[in-house]
């Protein structure tokens, strides 16, 4: 995903965490000059005390902080299923720590000194990731709501439609009339807000993939 493919919402915030007030100020000014909304914190603990599952944006944290470290913060975010992508900056990170950060889903680890464009590029990737995930989650909830509106009879027809079964085969397998198949098929497509069985199969695949990404 690149910033050219995802339109970032105006409600997204860059949450900046650094215990050095000089660095915190300079990074805040840099990001705001790029048109980004910034919320700055002196510690990971103070940041964690205010965020919720509805907090939108991304996080930039120094790896070494007074108190909870950047790695500890990442563990807390992962444990709480936070949707916020994480960017970590560090003057020095050993290989083991770097591997842990990336395996736990960090967008990137920026080694100091890094230039402004590196940071801004990482931020836009992180915000794109957040926006993409949020849009995807909204789509999945919408599809699931439509699926939940189907009756058992309609769901049985849907399951065969997405397998590519023609109406006659559905009629035989479910032991219902062709007229009933036609009626249920029409209702299923209307409720699911699609025009064809292939479109229906795409929606079902989206939900099934979300349930079992592997």
N, C-alpha and C. Protein backbone atom coordinates (compact mmCIF):
# COMPACT_ATOMS: atom_id res chain seq x y z
N UNK A 1 0.84 -1.20 0.00
CA UNK A 1 0.00 0.00 0.00
C UNK A 1 0.86 1.24 0.00
N UNK A 2 0.54 2.17 -0.81
CA UNK A 2 1.26 3.44 -0.84
C UNK A 2 0.29 4.56 -0.61
N UNK A 3 0.84 5.72 -0.26
CA UNK A 3 -0.02 6.85 0.04
C UNK A 3 -0.80 7.30 -1.18
N UNK A 4 -0.40 6.87 -2.35
CA UNK A 4 -1.11 7.25 -3.57
C UNK A 4 -2.33 6.38 -3.81
N UNK A 5 -2.44 5.23 -3.08
CA UNK A 5 -3.54 4.32 -3.32
C UNK A 5 -4.61 4.38 -2.24
N UNK A 6 -4.32 5.00 -1.13
CA UNK A 6 -5.27 5.07 -0.04
C UNK A 6 -5.48 6.52 0.35
N UNK A 7 -6.74 6.93 0.42
CA UNK A 7 -7.05 8.29 0.84
C UNK A 7 -7.11 8.33 2.36
N UNK A 8 -6.20 9.08 2.97
CA UNK A 8 -6.14 9.12 4.43
C UNK A 8 -7.20 10.07 4.98
N UNK A 9 -7.92 9.59 6.01
CA UNK A 9 -8.95 10.40 6.63
C UNK A 9 -8.34 11.52 7.46
N UNK A 10 -9.12 12.57 7.63
CA UNK A 10 -8.62 13.72 8.40
C UNK A 10 -8.63 13.47 9.90
N UNK A 11 -9.24 12.37 10.36
CA UNK A 11 -9.29 12.11 11.79
C UNK A 11 -8.07 11.36 12.31
N UNK A 12 -7.14 11.04 11.41
CA UNK A 12 -5.96 10.26 11.82
C UNK A 12 -4.95 11.14 12.54
N UNK A 13 -4.39 10.59 13.62
CA UNK A 13 -3.44 11.31 14.46
C UNK A 13 -2.13 10.53 14.54
N UNK A 14 -1.02 11.24 14.50
CA UNK A 14 0.29 10.63 14.73
C UNK A 14 0.60 10.80 16.21
N UNK A 15 0.69 9.69 16.93
CA UNK A 15 0.99 9.71 18.37
C UNK A 15 2.48 9.55 18.55
N UNK A 16 3.11 10.58 19.07
CA UNK A 16 4.56 10.66 19.15
C UNK A 16 5.00 10.50 20.60
N UNK A 17 5.94 9.56 20.83
CA UNK A 17 6.39 9.28 22.19
C UNK A 17 7.91 9.35 22.26
N UNK A 18 8.42 10.27 23.10
CA UNK A 18 9.86 10.39 23.30
C UNK A 18 10.08 11.11 24.63
N UNK A 19 11.03 10.62 25.43
CA UNK A 19 11.25 11.25 26.73
C UNK A 19 12.22 12.43 26.66
N UNK A 20 12.74 12.72 25.47
CA UNK A 20 13.61 13.88 25.27
C UNK A 20 12.75 15.03 24.74
N UNK A 21 12.51 16.08 25.54
CA UNK A 21 11.63 17.16 25.11
C UNK A 21 12.09 17.87 23.84
N UNK A 22 13.40 17.94 23.63
CA UNK A 22 13.92 18.59 22.42
C UNK A 22 13.55 17.79 21.18
N UNK A 23 13.75 16.49 21.25
CA UNK A 23 13.40 15.61 20.13
C UNK A 23 11.90 15.62 19.91
N UNK A 24 11.16 15.58 21.00
CA UNK A 24 9.70 15.57 20.91
C UNK A 24 9.20 16.83 20.19
N UNK A 25 9.79 17.97 20.53
CA UNK A 25 9.39 19.24 19.93
C UNK A 25 9.76 19.28 18.45
N UNK A 26 10.98 18.86 18.11
CA UNK A 26 11.42 18.95 16.71
C UNK A 26 10.62 18.00 15.82
N UNK A 27 10.33 16.80 16.31
CA UNK A 27 9.55 15.85 15.53
C UNK A 27 8.11 16.34 15.36
N UNK A 28 7.57 16.92 16.42
CA UNK A 28 6.20 17.46 16.36
C UNK A 28 6.11 18.56 15.31
N UNK A 29 7.09 19.45 15.31
CA UNK A 29 7.08 20.54 14.33
C UNK A 29 7.23 20.02 12.90
N UNK A 30 8.10 19.02 12.73
CA UNK A 30 8.30 18.43 11.40
C UNK A 30 7.00 17.82 10.87
N UNK A 31 6.33 17.05 11.70
CA UNK A 31 5.13 16.36 11.27
C UNK A 31 3.97 17.33 11.03
N UNK A 32 3.87 18.33 11.90
CA UNK A 32 2.80 19.33 11.71
C UNK A 32 3.04 20.16 10.45
N UNK A 33 4.31 20.44 10.15
CA UNK A 33 4.63 21.20 8.94
C UNK A 33 4.22 20.41 7.69
N UNK A 34 4.16 19.08 7.82
CA UNK A 34 3.75 18.23 6.70
C UNK A 34 2.24 18.06 6.65
N UNK A 35 1.54 18.80 7.50
CA UNK A 35 0.08 18.76 7.49
C UNK A 35 -0.54 17.66 8.32
N UNK A 36 0.24 17.04 9.20
CA UNK A 36 -0.25 15.94 10.01
C UNK A 36 -0.67 16.42 11.41
N UNK A 37 -1.66 15.76 11.96
CA UNK A 37 -2.09 16.05 13.32
C UNK A 37 -1.24 15.22 14.28
N UNK A 38 -0.67 15.87 15.28
CA UNK A 38 0.27 15.20 16.18
C UNK A 38 -0.19 15.34 17.63
N UNK A 39 -0.05 14.26 18.38
CA UNK A 39 -0.33 14.25 19.82
C UNK A 39 0.92 13.69 20.49
N UNK A 40 1.60 14.51 21.31
CA UNK A 40 2.91 14.13 21.84
C UNK A 40 2.85 13.69 23.30
N UNK A 41 3.67 12.69 23.64
CA UNK A 41 3.73 12.16 25.01
C UNK A 41 5.18 11.96 25.42
N UNK A 42 5.43 12.15 26.72
CA UNK A 42 6.79 11.98 27.26
C UNK A 42 7.07 10.54 27.70
N UNK A 43 6.04 9.70 27.75
CA UNK A 43 6.25 8.31 28.17
C UNK A 43 5.21 7.41 27.53
N UNK A 44 5.56 6.13 27.42
CA UNK A 44 4.62 5.15 26.88
C UNK A 44 3.44 4.99 27.82
N UNK A 45 3.71 5.07 29.12
CA UNK A 45 2.64 4.90 30.11
C UNK A 45 1.56 5.97 29.97
N UNK A 46 1.98 7.22 29.76
CA UNK A 46 1.00 8.30 29.63
C UNK A 46 0.18 8.13 28.36
N UNK A 47 0.82 7.63 27.30
CA UNK A 47 0.10 7.38 26.06
C UNK A 47 -0.93 6.27 26.25
N UNK A 48 -0.52 5.18 26.86
CA UNK A 48 -1.42 4.04 27.05
C UNK A 48 -2.62 4.40 27.94
N UNK A 49 -2.45 5.38 28.79
CA UNK A 49 -3.53 5.75 29.72
C UNK A 49 -4.69 6.46 29.02
N UNK A 50 -4.47 6.93 27.79
CA UNK A 50 -5.51 7.72 27.13
C UNK A 50 -6.08 7.06 25.87
N UNK A 51 -5.40 6.06 25.31
CA UNK A 51 -5.89 5.50 24.06
C UNK A 51 -7.02 4.49 24.31
N UNK A 52 -7.84 4.30 23.28
CA UNK A 52 -8.91 3.31 23.30
C UNK A 52 -8.88 2.56 21.96
N UNK A 53 -9.78 1.60 21.79
CA UNK A 53 -9.86 0.88 20.52
C UNK A 53 -10.34 1.79 19.39
N UNK A 54 -10.89 2.94 19.75
CA UNK A 54 -11.37 3.89 18.73
C UNK A 54 -10.30 4.90 18.34
N UNK A 55 -9.15 4.87 19.02
CA UNK A 55 -8.06 5.78 18.68
C UNK A 55 -7.58 5.48 17.26
N UNK A 56 -7.45 6.53 16.45
CA UNK A 56 -7.16 6.33 15.02
C UNK A 56 -5.85 7.01 14.63
N UNK A 57 -5.00 6.30 13.90
CA UNK A 57 -3.75 6.88 13.42
C UNK A 57 -2.60 5.90 13.50
N UNK A 58 -1.44 6.37 13.95
CA UNK A 58 -0.27 5.52 14.10
C UNK A 58 0.58 6.04 15.25
N UNK A 59 1.56 5.25 15.66
CA UNK A 59 2.42 5.59 16.79
C UNK A 59 3.87 5.63 16.35
N UNK A 60 4.59 6.67 16.79
CA UNK A 60 6.05 6.73 16.64
C UNK A 60 6.63 6.74 18.03
N UNK A 61 7.48 5.80 18.33
CA UNK A 61 8.08 5.77 19.67
C UNK A 61 9.58 5.52 19.59
N UNK A 62 10.29 6.14 20.51
CA UNK A 62 11.70 5.81 20.67
C UNK A 62 11.78 4.44 21.30
N UNK A 63 12.83 3.69 20.98
CA UNK A 63 12.99 2.36 21.56
C UNK A 63 13.33 2.44 23.04
N UNK A 64 14.25 3.34 23.38
CA UNK A 64 14.68 3.46 24.77
C UNK A 64 14.01 4.67 25.41
N UNK A 65 13.16 4.39 26.37
CA UNK A 65 12.42 5.44 27.08
C UNK A 65 12.61 5.26 28.58
N UNK A 66 12.43 6.33 29.31
CA UNK A 66 12.41 6.23 30.77
C UNK A 66 11.13 5.49 31.13
N UNK A 67 11.26 4.38 31.83
CA UNK A 67 10.09 3.58 32.14
C UNK A 67 9.90 2.51 31.07
N UNK A 68 8.66 2.32 30.63
CA UNK A 68 8.36 1.31 29.62
C UNK A 68 9.08 1.61 28.32
N UNK A 69 9.73 0.60 27.74
CA UNK A 69 10.48 0.78 26.50
C UNK A 69 9.54 0.72 25.29
N UNK A 70 10.09 1.05 24.13
CA UNK A 70 9.32 0.95 22.91
C UNK A 70 8.88 -0.47 22.62
N UNK A 71 9.75 -1.44 22.93
CA UNK A 71 9.40 -2.85 22.74
C UNK A 71 8.29 -3.27 23.68
N UNK A 72 8.37 -2.81 24.94
CA UNK A 72 7.31 -3.10 25.91
C UNK A 72 5.98 -2.49 25.45
N UNK A 73 6.06 -1.29 24.91
CA UNK A 73 4.85 -0.63 24.41
C UNK A 73 4.24 -1.46 23.28
N UNK A 74 5.08 -1.93 22.38
CA UNK A 74 4.55 -2.75 21.29
C UNK A 74 3.85 -3.99 21.83
N UNK A 75 4.45 -4.63 22.82
CA UNK A 75 3.83 -5.82 23.40
C UNK A 75 2.45 -5.50 23.98
N UNK A 76 2.35 -4.34 24.64
CA UNK A 76 1.06 -3.92 25.21
C UNK A 76 0.04 -3.69 24.10
N UNK A 77 0.45 -3.05 23.03
CA UNK A 77 -0.47 -2.78 21.92
C UNK A 77 -0.93 -4.07 21.26
N UNK A 78 -0.01 -5.00 21.07
CA UNK A 78 -0.35 -6.29 20.47
C UNK A 78 -1.31 -7.05 21.38
N UNK A 79 -1.01 -7.07 22.68
CA UNK A 79 -1.84 -7.81 23.64
C UNK A 79 -3.27 -7.26 23.72
N UNK A 80 -3.40 -5.95 23.52
CA UNK A 80 -4.72 -5.32 23.60
C UNK A 80 -5.42 -5.26 22.23
N UNK A 81 -4.79 -5.88 21.22
CA UNK A 81 -5.33 -5.90 19.86
C UNK A 81 -5.55 -4.49 19.32
N UNK A 82 -4.65 -3.60 19.66
CA UNK A 82 -4.75 -2.23 19.15
C UNK A 82 -4.55 -2.22 17.64
N UNK A 83 -5.33 -1.43 16.92
CA UNK A 83 -5.18 -1.36 15.47
C UNK A 83 -4.10 -0.38 15.02
N UNK A 84 -3.42 0.29 15.98
CA UNK A 84 -2.48 1.34 15.63
C UNK A 84 -1.14 0.78 15.13
N UNK A 85 -0.75 1.07 13.89
CA UNK A 85 0.57 0.67 13.40
C UNK A 85 1.67 1.40 14.18
N UNK A 86 2.81 0.73 14.34
CA UNK A 86 3.88 1.27 15.16
C UNK A 86 5.16 1.49 14.36
N UNK A 87 5.75 2.67 14.52
CA UNK A 87 7.06 3.01 13.97
C UNK A 87 8.00 3.19 15.16
N UNK A 88 9.15 2.53 15.12
CA UNK A 88 10.10 2.62 16.22
C UNK A 88 11.37 3.30 15.72
N UNK A 89 11.89 4.24 16.51
CA UNK A 89 13.16 4.90 16.19
C UNK A 89 14.17 4.57 17.28
N UNK A 90 15.42 4.46 16.89
CA UNK A 90 16.43 4.08 17.88
C UNK A 90 17.83 4.50 17.43
N UNK A 91 18.63 4.89 18.42
CA UNK A 91 20.03 5.18 18.15
C UNK A 91 20.80 3.89 17.99
N UNK A 92 20.33 2.85 18.67
CA UNK A 92 20.96 1.54 18.54
C UNK A 92 19.96 0.47 18.96
N UNK A 93 19.79 -0.52 18.11
CA UNK A 93 18.94 -1.67 18.43
C UNK A 93 19.69 -2.93 18.03
N UNK A 94 19.83 -3.87 18.98
CA UNK A 94 20.51 -5.11 18.64
C UNK A 94 19.64 -5.93 17.70
N UNK A 95 20.24 -6.91 17.07
CA UNK A 95 19.56 -7.70 16.05
C UNK A 95 18.33 -8.40 16.63
N UNK A 96 18.47 -8.95 17.82
CA UNK A 96 17.35 -9.68 18.44
C UNK A 96 16.14 -8.77 18.64
N UNK A 97 16.40 -7.55 19.15
CA UNK A 97 15.31 -6.60 19.37
C UNK A 97 14.68 -6.17 18.06
N UNK A 98 15.52 -5.92 17.07
CA UNK A 98 15.01 -5.51 15.75
C UNK A 98 14.12 -6.59 15.16
N UNK A 99 14.54 -7.84 15.29
CA UNK A 99 13.75 -8.96 14.78
C UNK A 99 12.42 -9.06 15.52
N UNK A 100 12.44 -8.90 16.83
CA UNK A 100 11.21 -8.94 17.62
C UNK A 100 10.23 -7.86 17.19
N UNK A 101 10.74 -6.66 17.00
CA UNK A 101 9.89 -5.55 16.60
C UNK A 101 9.20 -5.83 15.27
N UNK A 102 9.96 -6.33 14.31
CA UNK A 102 9.40 -6.57 12.98
C UNK A 102 8.45 -7.77 13.00
N UNK A 103 8.80 -8.81 13.74
CA UNK A 103 7.93 -9.98 13.82
C UNK A 103 6.60 -9.63 14.48
N UNK A 104 6.62 -8.67 15.41
CA UNK A 104 5.40 -8.24 16.10
C UNK A 104 4.62 -7.21 15.30
N UNK A 105 5.08 -6.91 14.08
CA UNK A 105 4.28 -6.08 13.19
C UNK A 105 4.64 -4.62 13.08
N UNK A 106 5.84 -4.21 13.56
CA UNK A 106 6.23 -2.81 13.41
C UNK A 106 6.30 -2.46 11.92
N UNK A 107 5.90 -1.24 11.59
CA UNK A 107 5.96 -0.79 10.20
C UNK A 107 7.41 -0.71 9.76
N UNK A 108 8.25 -0.15 10.63
CA UNK A 108 9.68 -0.07 10.35
C UNK A 108 10.43 0.29 11.62
N UNK A 109 11.74 0.07 11.60
CA UNK A 109 12.64 0.52 12.65
C UNK A 109 13.60 1.50 12.01
N UNK A 110 13.50 2.76 12.40
CA UNK A 110 14.37 3.81 11.85
C UNK A 110 15.58 4.00 12.75
N UNK A 111 16.76 3.87 12.17
CA UNK A 111 17.98 4.06 12.94
C UNK A 111 18.36 5.54 12.93
N UNK A 112 18.66 6.09 14.09
CA UNK A 112 19.14 7.47 14.17
C UNK A 112 20.59 7.53 13.68
N UNK A 113 21.00 8.57 13.00
CA UNK A 113 20.15 9.68 12.55
C UNK A 113 19.43 9.32 11.26
N UNK A 114 18.16 9.67 11.15
CA UNK A 114 17.39 9.44 9.94
C UNK A 114 16.98 10.81 9.41
N UNK A 115 16.71 10.88 8.11
CA UNK A 115 16.33 12.19 7.58
C UNK A 115 14.81 12.36 7.64
N UNK A 116 14.37 13.58 7.44
CA UNK A 116 12.96 13.92 7.57
C UNK A 116 12.10 13.12 6.61
N UNK A 117 12.59 12.93 5.38
CA UNK A 117 11.79 12.22 4.39
C UNK A 117 11.59 10.76 4.76
N UNK A 118 12.60 10.15 5.39
CA UNK A 118 12.46 8.77 5.86
C UNK A 118 11.30 8.66 6.86
N UNK A 119 11.27 9.60 7.79
CA UNK A 119 10.23 9.58 8.82
C UNK A 119 8.86 9.81 8.20
N UNK A 120 8.76 10.82 7.35
CA UNK A 120 7.47 11.13 6.73
C UNK A 120 6.97 9.98 5.86
N UNK A 121 7.87 9.36 5.14
CA UNK A 121 7.49 8.22 4.31
C UNK A 121 6.95 7.08 5.17
N UNK A 122 7.62 6.81 6.30
CA UNK A 122 7.17 5.75 7.20
C UNK A 122 5.81 6.09 7.79
N UNK A 123 5.60 7.35 8.15
CA UNK A 123 4.32 7.77 8.72
C UNK A 123 3.19 7.58 7.72
N UNK A 124 3.41 7.97 6.48
CA UNK A 124 2.36 7.81 5.47
C UNK A 124 2.05 6.33 5.20
N UNK A 125 3.09 5.48 5.24
CA UNK A 125 2.84 4.04 5.09
C UNK A 125 2.00 3.53 6.24
N UNK A 126 2.33 3.98 7.45
CA UNK A 126 1.59 3.53 8.63
C UNK A 126 0.14 4.00 8.60
N UNK A 127 -0.08 5.25 8.22
CA UNK A 127 -1.44 5.77 8.15
C UNK A 127 -2.24 5.08 7.03
N UNK A 128 -1.57 4.80 5.92
CA UNK A 128 -2.23 4.04 4.85
C UNK A 128 -2.66 2.67 5.36
N UNK A 129 -1.76 2.03 6.11
CA UNK A 129 -2.06 0.70 6.66
C UNK A 129 -3.26 0.77 7.59
N UNK A 130 -3.28 1.77 8.47
CA UNK A 130 -4.40 1.90 9.40
C UNK A 130 -5.71 2.11 8.64
N UNK A 131 -5.68 3.02 7.65
CA UNK A 131 -6.89 3.33 6.89
C UNK A 131 -7.38 2.10 6.12
N UNK A 132 -6.45 1.37 5.51
CA UNK A 132 -6.82 0.17 4.76
C UNK A 132 -7.47 -0.86 5.69
N UNK A 133 -6.85 -1.09 6.84
CA UNK A 133 -7.39 -2.06 7.79
C UNK A 133 -8.75 -1.64 8.30
N UNK A 134 -8.92 -0.35 8.57
CA UNK A 134 -10.20 0.15 9.08
C UNK A 134 -11.29 0.00 8.03
N UNK A 135 -10.98 0.35 6.78
CA UNK A 135 -11.95 0.20 5.70
C UNK A 135 -12.32 -1.27 5.50
N UNK A 136 -11.31 -2.14 5.58
CA UNK A 136 -11.55 -3.57 5.42
C UNK A 136 -12.44 -4.10 6.54
N UNK A 137 -12.18 -3.69 7.77
CA UNK A 137 -13.00 -4.13 8.90
C UNK A 137 -14.44 -3.67 8.74
N UNK A 138 -14.63 -2.45 8.26
CA UNK A 138 -15.98 -1.93 8.04
C UNK A 138 -16.69 -2.73 6.96
N UNK A 139 -15.96 -3.10 5.91
CA UNK A 139 -16.55 -3.91 4.84
C UNK A 139 -16.96 -5.29 5.36
N UNK A 140 -16.11 -5.89 6.17
CA UNK A 140 -16.41 -7.22 6.71
C UNK A 140 -17.63 -7.16 7.62
N UNK A 141 -17.73 -6.12 8.45
CA UNK A 141 -18.90 -5.99 9.33
C UNK A 141 -20.18 -5.82 8.51
N UNK A 142 -20.08 -5.06 7.43
CA UNK A 142 -21.24 -4.85 6.58
C UNK A 142 -21.68 -6.15 5.90
N UNK A 143 -20.72 -6.91 5.40
CA UNK A 143 -21.06 -8.19 4.76
C UNK A 143 -21.67 -9.15 5.76
N UNK A 144 -21.07 -9.21 6.97
CA UNK A 144 -21.57 -10.12 7.99
C UNK A 144 -22.99 -9.76 8.40
N UNK A 145 -23.29 -8.47 8.48
CA UNK A 145 -24.64 -8.02 8.82
C UNK A 145 -25.64 -8.50 7.77
N UNK A 146 -25.23 -8.43 6.49
CA UNK A 146 -26.11 -8.89 5.42
C UNK A 146 -26.30 -10.40 5.48
N UNK A 147 -25.24 -11.13 5.78
CA UNK A 147 -25.35 -12.58 5.92
C UNK A 147 -26.29 -12.96 7.06
N UNK A 148 -26.20 -12.21 8.15
CA UNK A 148 -27.05 -12.49 9.30
C UNK A 148 -28.53 -12.26 9.03
N UNK A 149 -28.83 -11.49 7.97
CA UNK A 149 -30.23 -11.20 7.64
C UNK A 149 -30.89 -12.33 6.86
N UNK A 150 -30.09 -13.31 6.41
CA UNK A 150 -30.63 -14.42 5.62
C UNK A 150 -31.30 -15.47 6.50
N UNK A 151 -32.38 -16.06 6.00
CA UNK A 151 -33.02 -17.17 6.69
C UNK A 151 -32.20 -18.44 6.45
N UNK A 152 -32.50 -19.51 7.18
CA UNK A 152 -31.78 -20.77 6.99
C UNK A 152 -31.95 -21.28 5.56
N UNK A 153 -33.17 -21.14 5.02
CA UNK A 153 -33.41 -21.58 3.65
C UNK A 153 -32.62 -20.78 2.64
N UNK A 154 -32.56 -19.48 2.86
CA UNK A 154 -31.78 -18.61 1.97
C UNK A 154 -30.29 -18.90 2.08
N UNK A 155 -29.84 -19.18 3.30
CA UNK A 155 -28.42 -19.49 3.49
C UNK A 155 -28.03 -20.80 2.81
N UNK A 156 -28.94 -21.77 2.81
CA UNK A 156 -28.64 -23.05 2.16
C UNK A 156 -28.48 -22.85 0.65
N UNK A 157 -29.29 -21.96 0.07
CA UNK A 157 -29.15 -21.66 -1.36
C UNK A 157 -27.86 -20.89 -1.61
N UNK A 158 -27.54 -19.93 -0.73
CA UNK A 158 -26.30 -19.16 -0.87
C UNK A 158 -25.08 -20.09 -0.89
N UNK A 159 -25.04 -21.04 0.04
CA UNK A 159 -23.88 -21.92 0.14
C UNK A 159 -23.63 -22.69 -1.16
N UNK A 160 -24.72 -23.07 -1.85
CA UNK A 160 -24.56 -23.80 -3.11
C UNK A 160 -24.27 -22.85 -4.28
N UNK A 161 -24.84 -21.66 -4.21
CA UNK A 161 -24.54 -20.67 -5.25
C UNK A 161 -23.06 -20.34 -5.30
N UNK A 162 -22.44 -20.15 -4.11
CA UNK A 162 -21.02 -19.77 -4.10
C UNK A 162 -20.12 -20.93 -4.52
N UNK A 163 -20.69 -22.15 -4.54
CA UNK A 163 -19.93 -23.30 -5.04
C UNK A 163 -20.11 -23.48 -6.54
N UNK A 164 -20.90 -22.57 -7.14
CA UNK A 164 -21.08 -22.61 -8.59
C UNK A 164 -22.17 -23.55 -9.06
N UNK A 165 -23.02 -24.02 -8.15
CA UNK A 165 -24.08 -24.94 -8.54
C UNK A 165 -25.17 -24.22 -9.33
N UNK A 166 -25.64 -24.79 -10.43
CA UNK A 166 -26.76 -24.20 -11.18
C UNK A 166 -28.06 -24.43 -10.42
N UNK A 167 -29.10 -23.69 -10.80
CA UNK A 167 -30.38 -23.77 -10.09
C UNK A 167 -30.95 -25.19 -10.06
N UNK A 168 -30.81 -25.91 -11.17
CA UNK A 168 -31.37 -27.26 -11.22
C UNK A 168 -30.69 -28.17 -10.20
N UNK A 169 -29.37 -28.06 -10.07
CA UNK A 169 -28.63 -28.88 -9.10
C UNK A 169 -29.02 -28.49 -7.67
N UNK A 170 -29.23 -27.19 -7.44
CA UNK A 170 -29.65 -26.73 -6.11
C UNK A 170 -31.03 -27.28 -5.78
N UNK A 171 -31.92 -27.26 -6.76
CA UNK A 171 -33.27 -27.80 -6.57
C UNK A 171 -33.22 -29.27 -6.18
N UNK A 172 -32.38 -30.03 -6.87
CA UNK A 172 -32.26 -31.47 -6.59
C UNK A 172 -31.64 -31.72 -5.22
N UNK A 173 -30.55 -31.03 -4.91
CA UNK A 173 -29.85 -31.29 -3.65
C UNK A 173 -30.67 -30.88 -2.44
N UNK A 174 -31.39 -29.76 -2.54
CA UNK A 174 -32.17 -29.28 -1.40
C UNK A 174 -33.60 -29.83 -1.40
N UNK A 175 -33.94 -30.53 -2.47
CA UNK A 175 -35.28 -31.12 -2.61
C UNK A 175 -36.37 -30.06 -2.51
N UNK A 176 -36.16 -28.99 -3.26
CA UNK A 176 -37.14 -27.90 -3.35
C UNK A 176 -37.40 -27.62 -4.83
N UNK A 177 -38.49 -26.95 -5.11
CA UNK A 177 -38.85 -26.69 -6.49
C UNK A 177 -37.94 -25.64 -7.13
N UNK A 178 -37.88 -25.66 -8.45
CA UNK A 178 -37.10 -24.66 -9.17
C UNK A 178 -37.63 -23.26 -8.86
N UNK A 179 -38.94 -23.18 -8.71
CA UNK A 179 -39.55 -21.88 -8.42
C UNK A 179 -39.04 -21.36 -7.08
N UNK A 180 -38.94 -22.26 -6.10
CA UNK A 180 -38.44 -21.85 -4.77
C UNK A 180 -36.97 -21.45 -4.85
N UNK A 181 -36.20 -22.19 -5.66
CA UNK A 181 -34.78 -21.84 -5.84
C UNK A 181 -34.66 -20.45 -6.45
N UNK A 182 -35.43 -20.20 -7.48
CA UNK A 182 -35.39 -18.89 -8.15
C UNK A 182 -35.75 -17.77 -7.18
N UNK A 183 -36.77 -18.02 -6.36
CA UNK A 183 -37.22 -16.98 -5.42
C UNK A 183 -36.15 -16.72 -4.36
N UNK A 184 -35.61 -17.80 -3.81
CA UNK A 184 -34.58 -17.64 -2.76
C UNK A 184 -33.31 -17.02 -3.33
N UNK A 185 -32.95 -17.43 -4.54
CA UNK A 185 -31.76 -16.85 -5.17
C UNK A 185 -31.92 -15.34 -5.34
N UNK A 186 -33.08 -14.93 -5.79
CA UNK A 186 -33.36 -13.51 -5.99
C UNK A 186 -33.28 -12.75 -4.67
N UNK A 187 -33.83 -13.34 -3.62
CA UNK A 187 -33.81 -12.70 -2.30
C UNK A 187 -32.39 -12.60 -1.77
N UNK A 188 -31.62 -13.68 -1.94
CA UNK A 188 -30.23 -13.70 -1.47
C UNK A 188 -29.41 -12.60 -2.14
N UNK A 189 -29.52 -12.50 -3.46
CA UNK A 189 -28.76 -11.48 -4.18
C UNK A 189 -29.19 -10.08 -3.76
N UNK A 190 -30.50 -9.89 -3.53
CA UNK A 190 -30.99 -8.58 -3.11
C UNK A 190 -30.48 -8.22 -1.71
N UNK A 191 -30.59 -9.16 -0.78
CA UNK A 191 -30.14 -8.89 0.59
C UNK A 191 -28.63 -8.67 0.66
N UNK A 192 -27.89 -9.40 -0.17
CA UNK A 192 -26.44 -9.28 -0.16
C UNK A 192 -25.95 -8.11 -1.03
N UNK A 193 -26.88 -7.48 -1.73
CA UNK A 193 -26.58 -6.28 -2.52
C UNK A 193 -25.57 -6.56 -3.63
N UNK A 194 -25.79 -7.69 -4.32
CA UNK A 194 -24.96 -8.05 -5.47
C UNK A 194 -25.88 -8.46 -6.62
N UNK A 195 -25.29 -8.56 -7.82
CA UNK A 195 -26.08 -8.87 -9.01
C UNK A 195 -25.84 -10.27 -9.55
N UNK A 196 -24.84 -10.97 -9.02
CA UNK A 196 -24.50 -12.28 -9.58
C UNK A 196 -23.88 -13.19 -8.52
N UNK A 197 -23.86 -14.49 -8.85
CA UNK A 197 -23.26 -15.47 -7.95
C UNK A 197 -21.75 -15.25 -7.75
N UNK A 198 -20.99 -14.90 -8.81
CA UNK A 198 -19.56 -14.63 -8.59
C UNK A 198 -19.31 -13.47 -7.61
N UNK A 199 -20.13 -12.42 -7.69
CA UNK A 199 -20.00 -11.31 -6.74
C UNK A 199 -20.31 -11.78 -5.33
N UNK A 200 -21.32 -12.65 -5.23
CA UNK A 200 -21.70 -13.21 -3.94
C UNK A 200 -20.54 -14.03 -3.36
N UNK A 201 -19.91 -14.83 -4.21
CA UNK A 201 -18.78 -15.66 -3.77
C UNK A 201 -17.63 -14.79 -3.27
N UNK A 202 -17.42 -13.64 -3.92
CA UNK A 202 -16.34 -12.74 -3.49
C UNK A 202 -16.59 -12.23 -2.07
N UNK A 203 -17.84 -11.87 -1.77
CA UNK A 203 -18.17 -11.37 -0.43
C UNK A 203 -17.96 -12.46 0.62
N UNK A 204 -18.41 -13.67 0.30
CA UNK A 204 -18.26 -14.77 1.25
C UNK A 204 -16.79 -15.07 1.50
N UNK A 205 -15.99 -15.00 0.44
CA UNK A 205 -14.54 -15.24 0.58
C UNK A 205 -13.89 -14.21 1.48
N UNK A 206 -14.31 -12.96 1.37
CA UNK A 206 -13.77 -11.90 2.21
C UNK A 206 -14.00 -12.21 3.69
N UNK A 207 -15.22 -12.62 4.02
CA UNK A 207 -15.56 -12.92 5.41
C UNK A 207 -14.83 -14.17 5.89
N UNK A 208 -14.78 -15.20 5.07
CA UNK A 208 -14.10 -16.44 5.46
C UNK A 208 -12.61 -16.23 5.66
N UNK A 209 -12.01 -15.41 4.81
CA UNK A 209 -10.58 -15.10 4.94
C UNK A 209 -10.30 -14.34 6.23
N UNK A 210 -11.20 -13.44 6.60
CA UNK A 210 -11.05 -12.68 7.84
C UNK A 210 -11.13 -13.58 9.06
N UNK A 211 -11.97 -14.62 8.98
CA UNK A 211 -12.12 -15.55 10.10
C UNK A 211 -10.89 -16.43 10.25
N UNK A 212 -10.33 -16.83 9.12
CA UNK A 212 -9.17 -17.74 9.12
C UNK A 212 -8.17 -17.24 8.08
N UNK A 213 -7.33 -16.24 8.45
CA UNK A 213 -6.39 -15.65 7.49
C UNK A 213 -5.36 -16.64 6.96
N UNK A 214 -5.20 -17.79 7.61
CA UNK A 214 -4.22 -18.77 7.15
C UNK A 214 -4.86 -19.81 6.25
